[in-house]
Amino acid sequence: MEYRQLGRTGLQVSLTSLGSGGPSLLGQTHGTTPAAARNLITRAFDHGINFFDTAAGYDESETLLGHALANIPRHNFILATKYSPVDESGEVVKAEEVQRSINRSLDRLGLDHVDVMQVHGLEAQHYQQVLDIHLPVLQDAQAAGKIRYLGVTERFENDPLHEMFSLMVADGHFDTFMVGYNFLHQTAERLLLQSAASANIGIIVMVAVRRTMANPRRLNETIADLKTKGLLAHDAVPSEKPLDWLIHEDVDSIPEAAYRYVLEPPAVSTVLTGTSNPDHLDANVAGMAKGPLPISDRQRLQALFGNLDLGLGD
């Protein structure tokens, strides 16, 4: 396993990390058990994974993860969770709710502190209110030892040009940023990664592989839609199995190619993979261990999709 520094936190995190959100929710969408979650976490540690991401809003993921980590020495893992900054009506929540969410997360995880507390899916329109209302609460929790570092996650499908990052990187309050980045959605390469490196912001990649890259039918439909809209030349890739050219002697699958695409930039600290299947986790780790894609594959993907800013990939 390769380890990289999570920006100015100084934390050394595994390049492959395990998320408990996405379509799987750590297996909750198809009836996982605490024992199954524990087996998955054990497999992750076997591979050298030390960074785990969850959220208050991922149903019972915090509880499942907490049970799975209960007998693991605290210094052996780095844990990030999130709180929701707005309620169901779209209003920024009160400071008291932020405090309750922090304490509830710690209780569900069975921990006395988390390494990174992230503002979950923050949009630019709410940023100043979050600074005014929530930041003092977060900083108090830091002073009390409940939180080590602060981060923000974007709503990438609504913010393809990363306006949220542009705001947060300018003021220095937050140490990490979770960005939607994949070979269909490359705007982070143009608009974010260099600035993140300059500011020493730890970059956590989400949506490297999600529904589109993992589902051949959905991928075919996405490519066909780009052609119909004139965003991709009709002869740029085949109509059937349009990206199977990525599969060759060095690349076993399109999901593997997708993971290997996003791990290349040095500004990337860690890449989340979400699964409840230990064998699936094995394959993801093995693929990423091969390192970046062959340069010719990467360049072709950039030529095909590098001009898009549509938030694709989910």
C-alpha atoms as a PDB file:
ATOM      1  CA  MET A   1       0.000   0.000   0.000  1.00  0.00           C
ATOM      2  CA  GLU A   2       1.223   3.483  -0.850  1.00  0.00           C
ATOM      3  CA  TYR A   3       0.775   6.238   1.740  1.00  0.00           C
ATOM      4  CA  ARG A   4       0.500   9.954   1.101  1.00  0.00           C
ATOM      5  CA  GLN A   5       0.272  12.990   3.342  1.00  0.00           C
ATOM      6  CA  LEU A   6      -3.209  14.410   3.896  1.00  0.00           C
ATOM      7  CA  GLY A   7      -2.200  17.982   3.243  1.00  0.00           C
ATOM      8  CA  ARG A   8      -1.257  20.138   6.183  1.00  0.00           C
ATOM      9  CA  THR A   9      -2.715  17.672   8.679  1.00  0.00           C
ATOM     10  CA  GLY A  10       0.519  15.721   8.351  1.00  0.00           C
ATOM     11  CA  LEU A  11      -1.457  12.479   8.593  1.00  0.00           C
ATOM     12  CA  GLN A  12      -0.098   9.648   6.456  1.00  0.00           C
ATOM     13  CA  VAL A  13      -3.106   8.047   4.790  1.00  0.00           C
ATOM     14  CA  SER A  14      -3.403   5.005   2.574  1.00  0.00           C
ATOM     15  CA  LEU A  15      -3.821   5.877  -1.091  1.00  0.00           C
ATOM     16  CA  THR A  16      -6.752   3.465  -1.199  1.00  0.00           C
ATOM     17  CA  SER A  17      -9.306   4.306   1.485  1.00  0.00           C
ATOM     18  CA  LEU A  18     -12.657   2.814   2.433  1.00  0.00           C
ATOM     19  CA  GLY A  19     -15.877   4.807   2.341  1.00  0.00           C
ATOM     20  CA  SER A  20     -19.172   3.839   3.933  1.00  0.00           C
ATOM     21  CA  GLY A  21     -21.479   5.897   1.731  1.00  0.00           C
ATOM     22  CA  GLY A  22     -22.271   5.655  -1.967  1.00  0.00           C
ATOM     23  CA  PRO A  23     -24.735   3.113  -3.335  1.00  0.00           C
ATOM     24  CA  SER A  24     -23.635   0.396  -0.900  1.00  0.00           C
ATOM     25  CA  LEU A  25     -23.665   2.253   2.441  1.00  0.00           C
ATOM     26  CA  LEU A  26     -21.254  -0.352   3.786  1.00  0.00           C
ATOM     27  CA  GLY A  27     -23.654  -3.050   2.619  1.00  0.00           C
ATOM     28  CA  GLN A  28     -26.792  -1.636   4.213  1.00  0.00           C
ATOM     29  CA  THR A  29     -28.591  -1.477   0.873  1.00  0.00           C
ATOM     30  CA  HIS A  30     -28.527  -5.267   0.678  1.00  0.00           C
ATOM     31  CA  GLY A  31     -28.768  -6.305   4.284  1.00  0.00           C
ATOM     32  CA  THR A  32     -25.308  -6.340   5.812  1.00  0.00           C
ATOM     33  CA  THR A  33     -24.610  -7.450   9.369  1.00  0.00           C
ATOM     34  CA  PRO A  34     -22.150  -6.199  11.976  1.00  0.00           C
ATOM     35  CA  ALA A  35     -20.142  -9.387  11.466  1.00  0.00           C
ATOM     36  CA  ALA A  36     -19.940  -8.787   7.707  1.00  0.00           C
ATOM     37  CA  ALA A  37     -18.868  -5.190   8.248  1.00  0.00           C
ATOM     38  CA  ARG A  38     -16.197  -6.377  10.680  1.00  0.00           C
ATOM     39  CA  ASN A  39     -14.904  -8.877   8.115  1.00  0.00           C
ATOM     40  CA  LEU A  40     -14.663  -6.116   5.533  1.00  0.00           C
ATOM     41  CA  ILE A  41     -12.752  -3.822   7.876  1.00  0.00           C
ATOM     42  CA  THR A  42     -10.407  -6.669   8.784  1.00  0.00           C
ATOM     43  CA  ARG A  43      -9.712  -7.234   5.084  1.00  0.00           C
ATOM     44  CA  ALA A  44      -9.068  -3.506   4.651  1.00  0.00           C
ATOM     45  CA  PHE A  45      -6.461  -3.577   7.422  1.00  0.00           C
ATOM     46  CA  ASP A  46      -4.905  -6.670   5.841  1.00  0.00           C
ATOM     47  CA  HIS A  47      -4.311  -4.533   2.739  1.00  0.00           C
ATOM     48  CA  GLY A  48      -2.812  -1.651   4.719  1.00  0.00           C
ATOM     49  CA  ILE A  49      -5.847   0.637   4.452  1.00  0.00           C
ATOM     50  CA  ASN A  50      -5.819   3.040   7.377  1.00  0.00           C
ATOM     51  CA  PHE A  51      -8.257   5.784   6.283  1.00  0.00           C
ATOM     52  CA  PHE A  52     -11.996   5.292   6.742  1.00  0.00           C
ATOM     53  CA  ASP A  53     -14.707   7.777   5.783  1.00  0.00           C
ATOM     54  CA  THR A  54     -18.282   7.859   7.032  1.00  0.00           C
ATOM     55  CA  ALA A  55     -21.044  10.356   7.835  1.00  0.00           C
ATOM     56  CA  ALA A  56     -23.909  10.999  10.191  1.00  0.00           C
ATOM     57  CA  GLY A  57     -26.208  10.855   7.177  1.00  0.00           C
ATOM     58  CA  TYR A  58     -25.192   7.369   5.982  1.00  0.00           C
ATOM     59  CA  ASP A  59     -27.959   5.560   7.883  1.00  0.00           C
ATOM     60  CA  GLU A  60     -26.204   3.254  10.388  1.00  0.00           C
ATOM     61  CA  SER A  61     -22.749   3.378   8.807  1.00  0.00           C
ATOM     62  CA  GLU A  62     -21.159   5.108  11.797  1.00  0.00           C
ATOM     63  CA  THR A  63     -22.497   2.438  14.153  1.00  0.00           C
ATOM     64  CA  LEU A  64     -21.376  -0.429  11.908  1.00  0.00           C
ATOM     65  CA  LEU A  65     -17.946   1.113  11.461  1.00  0.00           C
ATOM     66  CA  GLY A  66     -17.646   1.763  15.172  1.00  0.00           C
ATOM     67  CA  HIS A  67     -18.370  -1.866  16.010  1.00  0.00           C
ATOM     68  CA  ALA A  68     -15.893  -3.041  13.381  1.00  0.00           C
ATOM     69  CA  LEU A  69     -13.127  -0.808  14.745  1.00  0.00           C
ATOM     70  CA  ALA A  70     -13.849  -1.461  18.415  1.00  0.00           C
ATOM     71  CA  ASN A  71     -10.874  -3.742  19.033  1.00  0.00           C
ATOM     72  CA  ILE A  72      -8.428  -1.922  16.766  1.00  0.00           C
ATOM     73  CA  PRO A  73      -5.842   0.268  18.535  1.00  0.00           C
ATOM     74  CA  ARG A  74      -6.851   3.888  17.927  1.00  0.00           C
ATOM     75  CA  HIS A  75      -3.456   4.892  16.546  1.00  0.00           C
ATOM     76  CA  ASN A  76      -3.799   2.293  13.758  1.00  0.00           C
ATOM     77  CA  PHE A  77      -6.528   4.097  11.852  1.00  0.00           C
ATOM     78  CA  ILE A  78      -7.561   7.557  10.701  1.00  0.00           C
ATOM     79  CA  LEU A  79     -11.275   8.280  10.689  1.00  0.00           C
ATOM     80  CA  ALA A  80     -13.241  11.019   8.987  1.00  0.00           C
ATOM     81  CA  THR A  81     -16.937  11.642   9.420  1.00  0.00           C
ATOM     82  CA  LYS A  82     -19.354  14.403   8.444  1.00  0.00           C
ATOM     83  CA  TYR A  83     -22.302  16.420   9.678  1.00  0.00           C
ATOM     84  CA  SER A  84     -25.083  17.871   7.537  1.00  0.00           C
ATOM     85  CA  PRO A  85     -24.982  21.676   7.521  1.00  0.00           C
ATOM     86  CA  VAL A  86     -28.549  22.161   6.224  1.00  0.00           C
ATOM     87  CA  ASP A  87     -31.868  20.611   7.159  1.00  0.00           C
ATOM     88  CA  GLU A  88     -34.462  19.029   4.879  1.00  0.00           C
ATOM     89  CA  SER A  89     -35.924  22.435   4.039  1.00  0.00           C
ATOM     90  CA  GLY A  90     -32.532  23.709   2.880  1.00  0.00           C
ATOM     91  CA  GLU A  91     -31.963  25.987   5.861  1.00  0.00           C
ATOM     92  CA  VAL A  92     -28.603  26.109   7.642  1.00  0.00           C
ATOM     93  CA  VAL A  93     -28.951  24.260  10.940  1.00  0.00           C
ATOM     94  CA  LYS A  94     -28.423  25.946  14.291  1.00  0.00           C
ATOM     95  CA  ALA A  95     -25.180  25.712  16.234  1.00  0.00           C
ATOM     96  CA  GLU A  96     -26.826  23.436  18.806  1.00  0.00           C
ATOM     97  CA  GLU A  97     -27.563  20.837  16.126  1.00  0.00           C
ATOM     98  CA  VAL A  98     -23.927  20.836  15.005  1.00  0.00           C
ATOM     99  CA  GLN A  99     -22.861  20.146  18.581  1.00  0.00           C
ATOM    100  CA  ARG A 100     -25.440  17.366  18.903  1.00  0.00           C
ATOM    101  CA  SER A 101     -24.283  15.809  15.623  1.00  0.00           C
ATOM    102  CA  ILE A 102     -20.632  15.794  16.735  1.00  0.00           C
ATOM    103  CA  ASN A 103     -21.499  14.115  20.033  1.00  0.00           C
ATOM    104  CA  ARG A 104     -23.856  11.657  18.357  1.00  0.00           C
ATOM    105  CA  SER A 105     -21.186  10.655  15.837  1.00  0.00           C
ATOM    106  CA  LEU A 106     -18.620  10.077  18.583  1.00  0.00           C
ATOM    107  CA  ASP A 107     -21.135   7.980  20.519  1.00  0.00           C
ATOM    108  CA  ARG A 108     -22.079   5.877  17.496  1.00  0.00           C
ATOM    109  CA  LEU A 109     -18.438   5.384  16.551  1.00  0.00           C
ATOM    110  CA  GLY A 110     -17.431   4.585  20.109  1.00  0.00           C
ATOM    111  CA  LEU A 111     -14.561   7.081  19.941  1.00  0.00           C
ATOM    112  CA  ASP A 112     -13.442  10.044  21.985  1.00  0.00           C
ATOM    113  CA  HIS A 113     -12.288  11.921  18.887  1.00  0.00           C
ATOM    114  CA  VAL A 114     -12.388  11.862  15.101  1.00  0.00           C
ATOM    115  CA  ASP A 115      -9.429  12.805  12.973  1.00  0.00           C
ATOM    116  CA  VAL A 116     -11.399  14.859  10.433  1.00  0.00           C
ATOM    117  CA  MET A 117     -14.875  16.353  10.800  1.00  0.00           C
ATOM    118  CA  GLN A 118     -16.228  17.397   7.420  1.00  0.00           C
ATOM    119  CA  VAL A 119     -19.059  19.724   6.474  1.00  0.00           C
ATOM    120  CA  HIS A 120     -21.117  17.382   4.318  1.00  0.00           C
ATOM    121  CA  GLY A 121     -22.106  18.431   0.806  1.00  0.00           C
ATOM    122  CA  LEU A 122     -21.625  22.128   1.453  1.00  0.00           C
ATOM    123  CA  GLU A 123     -22.753  24.484  -1.299  1.00  0.00           C
ATOM    124  CA  ALA A 124     -21.341  27.928  -1.960  1.00  0.00           C
ATOM    125  CA  GLN A 125     -24.617  29.660  -1.135  1.00  0.00           C
ATOM    126  CA  HIS A 126     -24.389  28.420   2.457  1.00  0.00           C
ATOM    127  CA  TYR A 127     -20.683  28.861   3.038  1.00  0.00           C
ATOM    128  CA  GLN A 128     -20.701  32.198   4.839  1.00  0.00           C
ATOM    129  CA  GLN A 129     -23.518  31.128   7.151  1.00  0.00           C
ATOM    130  CA  VAL A 130     -21.610  27.966   8.016  1.00  0.00           C
ATOM    131  CA  LEU A 131     -18.566  30.059   8.871  1.00  0.00           C
ATOM    132  CA  ASP A 132     -20.620  32.410  11.015  1.00  0.00           C
ATOM    133  CA  ILE A 133     -22.759  29.828  12.819  1.00  0.00           C
ATOM    134  CA  HIS A 134     -20.913  26.507  12.717  1.00  0.00           C
ATOM    135  CA  LEU A 135     -17.204  27.296  12.661  1.00  0.00           C
ATOM    136  CA  PRO A 136     -17.112  28.453  16.310  1.00  0.00           C
ATOM    137  CA  VAL A 137     -18.732  25.152  17.360  1.00  0.00           C
ATOM    138  CA  LEU A 138     -16.252  23.134  15.303  1.00  0.00           C
ATOM    139  CA  GLN A 139     -13.328  25.077  16.707  1.00  0.00           C
ATOM    140  CA  ASP A 140     -14.605  24.579  20.263  1.00  0.00           C
ATOM    141  CA  ALA A 141     -14.798  20.835  19.581  1.00  0.00           C
ATOM    142  CA  GLN A 142     -11.219  20.968  18.349  1.00  0.00           C
ATOM    143  CA  ALA A 143     -10.128  22.732  21.525  1.00  0.00           C
ATOM    144  CA  ALA A 144     -11.920  20.049  23.558  1.00  0.00           C
ATOM    145  CA  GLY A 145     -10.046  17.284  21.709  1.00  0.00           C
ATOM    146  CA  LYS A 146     -13.116  15.854  19.968  1.00  0.00           C
ATOM    147  CA  ILE A 147     -11.930  16.830  16.479  1.00  0.00           C
ATOM    148  CA  ARG A 148      -8.386  17.053  15.149  1.00  0.00           C
ATOM    149  CA  TYR A 149      -8.921  18.634  11.714  1.00  0.00           C
ATOM    150  CA  LEU A 150     -11.704  20.214   9.677  1.00  0.00           C
ATOM    151  CA  GLY A 151     -12.775  19.499   6.124  1.00  0.00           C
ATOM    152  CA  VAL A 152     -15.438  20.202   3.518  1.00  0.00           C
ATOM    153  CA  THR A 153     -17.068  17.906   1.001  1.00  0.00           C
ATOM    154  CA  GLU A 154     -18.675  19.268  -2.140  1.00  0.00           C
ATOM    155  CA  ARG A 155     -21.907  18.346  -3.897  1.00  0.00           C
ATOM    156  CA  PHE A 156     -20.063  17.597  -7.091  1.00  0.00           C
ATOM    157  CA  GLU A 157     -23.105  17.020  -9.298  1.00  0.00           C
ATOM    158  CA  ASN A 158     -24.335  20.544  -8.466  1.00  0.00           C
ATOM    159  CA  ASP A 159     -20.909  22.187  -8.460  1.00  0.00           C
ATOM    160  CA  PRO A 160     -18.972  20.854 -11.459  1.00  0.00           C
ATOM    161  CA  LEU A 161     -16.650  23.881 -11.468  1.00  0.00           C
ATOM    162  CA  HIS A 162     -15.819  23.534  -7.758  1.00  0.00           C
ATOM    163  CA  GLU A 163     -17.022  26.945  -6.626  1.00  0.00           C
ATOM    164  CA  MET A 164     -17.138  25.610  -3.071  1.00  0.00           C
ATOM    165  CA  PHE A 165     -13.431  24.827  -3.167  1.00  0.00           C
ATOM    166  CA  SER A 166     -12.607  28.303  -4.464  1.00  0.00           C
ATOM    167  CA  LEU A 167     -14.283  29.816  -1.405  1.00  0.00           C
ATOM    168  CA  MET A 168     -12.822  27.535   1.238  1.00  0.00           C
ATOM    169  CA  VAL A 169      -9.260  27.505  -0.063  1.00  0.00           C
ATOM    170  CA  ALA A 170      -9.095  31.280   0.208  1.00  0.00           C
ATOM    171  CA  ASP A 171      -9.668  31.554   3.962  1.00  0.00           C
ATOM    172  CA  GLY A 172      -7.638  28.721   5.478  1.00  0.00           C
ATOM    173  CA  HIS A 173     -10.220  27.446   7.963  1.00  0.00           C
ATOM    174  CA  PHE A 174     -10.390  23.922   6.529  1.00  0.00           C
ATOM    175  CA  ASP A 175      -7.631  21.369   6.131  1.00  0.00           C
ATOM    176  CA  THR A 176      -9.160  18.836   3.712  1.00  0.00           C
ATOM    177  CA  PHE A 177     -11.517  18.815   0.751  1.00  0.00           C
ATOM    178  CA  MET A 178     -13.458  15.909  -0.707  1.00  0.00           C
ATOM    179  CA  VAL A 179     -13.858  16.329  -4.456  1.00  0.00           C
ATOM    180  CA  GLY A 180     -15.774  14.493  -7.141  1.00  0.00           C
ATOM    181  CA  TYR A 181     -13.148  13.475  -9.703  1.00  0.00           C
ATOM    182  CA  ASN A 182     -13.157  10.781 -12.379  1.00  0.00           C
ATOM    183  CA  PHE A 183     -12.204  10.367 -16.016  1.00  0.00           C
ATOM    184  CA  LEU A 184     -15.616  11.633 -17.182  1.00  0.00           C
ATOM    185  CA  HIS A 185     -15.409  14.602 -14.824  1.00  0.00           C
ATOM    186  CA  GLN A 186     -11.888  15.991 -14.977  1.00  0.00           C
ATOM    187  CA  THR A 187     -12.488  19.603 -13.971  1.00  0.00           C
ATOM    188  CA  ALA A 188     -10.496  19.124 -10.763  1.00  0.00           C
ATOM    189  CA  GLU A 189      -7.377  18.803 -12.916  1.00  0.00           C
ATOM    190  CA  ARG A 190      -7.977  22.226 -14.451  1.00  0.00           C
ATOM    191  CA  LEU A 191      -9.455  24.132 -11.556  1.00  0.00           C
ATOM    192  CA  LEU A 192      -8.515  22.631  -8.220  1.00  0.00           C
ATOM    193  CA  LEU A 193      -5.537  20.326  -7.801  1.00  0.00           C
ATOM    194  CA  GLN A 194      -2.776  22.881  -8.300  1.00  0.00           C
ATOM    195  CA  SER A 195      -4.407  25.320  -5.877  1.00  0.00           C
ATOM    196  CA  ALA A 196      -4.896  22.535  -3.342  1.00  0.00           C
ATOM    197  CA  ALA A 197      -1.228  21.632  -3.526  1.00  0.00           C
ATOM    198  CA  SER A 198      -0.185  25.260  -3.121  1.00  0.00           C
ATOM    199  CA  ALA A 199      -2.424  25.664  -0.061  1.00  0.00           C
ATOM    200  CA  ASN A 200      -1.448  22.230   1.296  1.00  0.00           C
ATOM    201  CA  ILE A 201      -5.078  21.093   1.392  1.00  0.00           C
ATOM    202  CA  GLY A 202      -5.539  17.338   1.710  1.00  0.00           C
ATOM    203  CA  ILE A 203      -7.554  16.070  -1.267  1.00  0.00           C
ATOM    204  CA  ILE A 204      -9.893  13.108  -0.776  1.00  0.00           C
ATOM    205  CA  VAL A 205     -11.299  11.783  -4.064  1.00  0.00           C
ATOM    206  CA  MET A 206     -14.862  10.517  -4.250  1.00  0.00           C
ATOM    207  CA  VAL A 207     -16.832   9.186  -7.228  1.00  0.00           C
ATOM    208  CA  ALA A 208     -13.728   7.775  -8.900  1.00  0.00           C
ATOM    209  CA  VAL A 209     -15.914   4.749  -9.580  1.00  0.00           C
ATOM    210  CA  ARG A 210     -19.588   4.928  -8.861  1.00  0.00           C
ATOM    211  CA  ARG A 211     -22.628   3.758 -10.812  1.00  0.00           C
ATOM    212  CA  THR A 212     -21.502   4.842 -14.278  1.00  0.00           C
ATOM    213  CA  MET A 213     -18.050   3.285 -14.439  1.00  0.00           C
ATOM    214  CA  ALA A 214     -19.210   0.120 -12.702  1.00  0.00           C
ATOM    215  CA  ASN A 215     -22.317  -0.447 -14.846  1.00  0.00           C
ATOM    216  CA  PRO A 216     -21.740  -1.172 -18.575  1.00  0.00           C
ATOM    217  CA  ARG A 217     -25.322  -0.295 -19.518  1.00  0.00           C
ATOM    218  CA  ARG A 218     -25.185   3.031 -17.705  1.00  0.00           C
ATOM    219  CA  LEU A 219     -21.782   3.802 -19.244  1.00  0.00           C
ATOM    220  CA  ASN A 220     -23.092   3.039 -22.747  1.00  0.00           C
ATOM    221  CA  GLU A 221     -26.067   5.342 -22.145  1.00  0.00           C
ATOM    222  CA  THR A 222     -23.833   8.149 -20.870  1.00  0.00           C
ATOM    223  CA  ILE A 223     -21.541   7.949 -23.905  1.00  0.00           C
ATOM    224  CA  ALA A 224     -24.530   7.804 -26.274  1.00  0.00           C
ATOM    225  CA  ASP A 225     -26.016  10.886 -24.613  1.00  0.00           C
ATOM    226  CA  LEU A 226     -22.760  12.817 -25.037  1.00  0.00           C
ATOM    227  CA  LYS A 227     -22.778  11.959 -28.736  1.00  0.00           C
ATOM    228  CA  THR A 228     -26.415  12.996 -29.125  1.00  0.00           C
ATOM    229  CA  LYS A 229     -25.685  16.352 -27.505  1.00  0.00           C
ATOM    230  CA  GLY A 230     -22.675  16.934 -29.750  1.00  0.00           C
ATOM    231  CA  LEU A 231     -20.261  16.836 -26.832  1.00  0.00           C
ATOM    232  CA  LEU A 232     -18.467  13.785 -28.190  1.00  0.00           C
ATOM    233  CA  ALA A 233     -17.817  12.980 -31.842  1.00  0.00           C
ATOM    234  CA  HIS A 234     -19.856  10.019 -33.097  1.00  0.00           C
ATOM    235  CA  ASP A 235     -16.720   8.243 -34.263  1.00  0.00           C
ATOM    236  CA  ALA A 236     -14.669   9.066 -31.154  1.00  0.00           C
ATOM    237  CA  VAL A 237     -15.397   5.701 -29.523  1.00  0.00           C
ATOM    238  CA  PRO A 238     -17.504   2.686 -30.534  1.00  0.00           C
ATOM    239  CA  SER A 239     -21.236   2.747 -29.814  1.00  0.00           C
ATOM    240  CA  GLU A 240     -21.056  -0.628 -28.091  1.00  0.00           C
ATOM    241  CA  LYS A 241     -18.557  -1.176 -25.300  1.00  0.00           C
ATOM    242  CA  PRO A 242     -17.225   2.332 -25.933  1.00  0.00           C
ATOM    243  CA  LEU A 243     -14.396   2.224 -23.403  1.00  0.00           C
ATOM    244  CA  ASP A 244     -13.353  -1.414 -23.630  1.00  0.00           C
ATOM    245  CA  TRP A 245     -10.174  -0.224 -25.336  1.00  0.00           C
ATOM    246  CA  LEU A 246      -9.016   0.590 -21.801  1.00  0.00           C
ATOM    247  CA  ILE A 247      -8.893  -3.138 -21.042  1.00  0.00           C
ATOM    248  CA  HIS A 248      -5.618  -4.669 -22.171  1.00  0.00           C
ATOM    249  CA  GLU A 249      -2.662  -6.553 -20.788  1.00  0.00           C
ATOM    250  CA  ASP A 250      -2.006  -3.966 -18.063  1.00  0.00           C
ATOM    251  CA  VAL A 251      -5.617  -3.059 -17.178  1.00  0.00           C
ATOM    252  CA  ASP A 252      -8.191  -5.671 -16.181  1.00  0.00           C
ATOM    253  CA  SER A 253     -11.397  -3.631 -16.123  1.00  0.00           C
ATOM    254  CA  ILE A 254     -12.932  -0.196 -16.629  1.00  0.00           C
ATOM    255  CA  PRO A 255     -13.311   0.341 -12.848  1.00  0.00           C
ATOM    256  CA  GLU A 256      -9.617  -0.438 -12.439  1.00  0.00           C
ATOM    257  CA  ALA A 257      -8.784   2.087 -15.155  1.00  0.00           C
ATOM    258  CA  ALA A 258     -10.971   4.650 -13.402  1.00  0.00           C
ATOM    259  CA  TYR A 259      -9.225   4.220 -10.056  1.00  0.00           C
ATOM    260  CA  ARG A 260      -5.816   4.344 -11.667  1.00  0.00           C
ATOM    261  CA  TYR A 261      -6.743   7.504 -13.579  1.00  0.00           C
ATOM    262  CA  VAL A 262      -7.430   9.570 -10.455  1.00  0.00           C
ATOM    263  CA  LEU A 263      -4.559   8.369  -8.286  1.00  0.00           C
ATOM    264  CA  GLU A 264      -1.876   9.837 -10.534  1.00  0.00           C
ATOM    265  CA  PRO A 265      -1.883  13.543  -9.536  1.00  0.00           C
ATOM    266  CA  PRO A 266       0.409  14.058  -6.540  1.00  0.00           C
ATOM    267  CA  ALA A 267      -2.088  16.521  -5.035  1.00  0.00           C
ATOM    268  CA  VAL A 268      -4.451  13.585  -4.440  1.00  0.00           C
ATOM    269  CA  SER A 269      -3.990  12.237  -0.910  1.00  0.00           C
ATOM    270  CA  THR A 270      -6.396   9.303  -0.982  1.00  0.00           C
ATOM    271  CA  VAL A 271      -9.037   7.728  -3.220  1.00  0.00           C
ATOM    272  CA  LEU A 272     -12.230   6.364  -1.692  1.00  0.00           C
ATOM    273  CA  THR A 273     -13.589   3.006  -2.703  1.00  0.00           C
ATOM    274  CA  GLY A 274     -16.989   1.912  -1.476  1.00  0.00           C
ATOM    275  CA  THR A 275     -17.945  -1.740  -1.224  1.00  0.00           C
ATOM    276  CA  SER A 276     -19.278  -4.314   1.206  1.00  0.00           C
ATOM    277  CA  ASN A 277     -17.646  -7.251  -0.598  1.00  0.00           C
ATOM    278  CA  PRO A 278     -14.141  -8.242   0.572  1.00  0.00           C
ATOM    279  CA  ASP A 279     -13.346  -9.806  -2.813  1.00  0.00           C
ATOM    280  CA  HIS A 280     -14.377  -6.582  -4.540  1.00  0.00           C
ATOM    281  CA  LEU A 281     -12.122  -4.683  -2.161  1.00  0.00           C
ATOM    282  CA  ASP A 282      -9.265  -7.067  -3.010  1.00  0.00           C
ATOM    283  CA  ALA A 283      -9.691  -6.299  -6.713  1.00  0.00           C
ATOM    284  CA  ASN A 284      -9.804  -2.542  -6.160  1.00  0.00           C
ATOM    285  CA  VAL A 285      -6.672  -2.552  -4.026  1.00  0.00           C
ATOM    286  CA  ALA A 286      -4.819  -4.799  -6.480  1.00  0.00           C
ATOM    287  CA  GLY A 287      -5.744  -2.575  -9.405  1.00  0.00           C
ATOM    288  CA  MET A 288      -4.640   0.621  -7.707  1.00  0.00           C
ATOM    289  CA  ALA A 289      -1.404  -1.016  -6.593  1.00  0.00           C
ATOM    290  CA  LYS A 290      -0.384  -1.146 -10.271  1.00  0.00           C
ATOM    291  CA  GLY A 291      -0.044   2.628 -10.207  1.00  0.00           C
ATOM    292  CA  PRO A 292      -1.151   5.221 -12.781  1.00  0.00           C
ATOM    293  CA  LEU A 293      -2.662   4.278 -16.122  1.00  0.00           C
ATOM    294  CA  PRO A 294      -0.374   3.915 -19.124  1.00  0.00           C
ATOM    295  CA  ILE A 295       0.244   7.433 -20.396  1.00  0.00           C
ATOM    296  CA  SER A 296      -1.380   6.768 -23.751  1.00  0.00           C
ATOM    297  CA  ASP A 297      -4.632   5.713 -22.078  1.00  0.00           C
ATOM    298  CA  ARG A 298      -4.629   8.744 -19.820  1.00  0.00           C
ATOM    299  CA  GLN A 299      -3.993  11.107 -22.712  1.00  0.00           C
ATOM    300  CA  ARG A 300      -6.813   9.612 -24.767  1.00  0.00           C
ATOM    301  CA  LEU A 301      -9.245   9.973 -21.848  1.00  0.00           C
ATOM    302  CA  GLN A 302      -8.191  13.586 -21.443  1.00  0.00           C
ATOM    303  CA  ALA A 303      -8.692  14.249 -25.142  1.00  0.00           C
ATOM    304  CA  LEU A 304     -12.157  12.662 -25.072  1.00  0.00           C
ATOM    305  CA  PHE A 305     -13.578  14.057 -21.847  1.00  0.00           C
ATOM    306  CA  GLY A 306     -11.241  16.759 -20.560  1.00  0.00           C
ATOM    307  CA  ASN A 307     -13.432  19.596 -21.841  1.00  0.00           C
ATOM    308  CA  LEU A 308     -16.621  18.428 -20.079  1.00  0.00           C
ATOM    309  CA  ASP A 309     -17.934  20.087 -16.933  1.00  0.00           C
ATOM    310  CA  LEU A 310     -21.150  18.142 -16.406  1.00  0.00           C
ATOM    311  CA  GLY A 311     -20.539  16.418 -13.080  1.00  0.00           C
ATOM    312  CA  LEU A 312     -20.752  12.950 -14.661  1.00  0.00           C
ATOM    313  CA  GLY A 313     -19.959   9.624 -13.054  1.00  0.00           C
ATOM    314  CA  ASP A 314     -22.558   8.983 -10.379  1.00  0.00           C
END
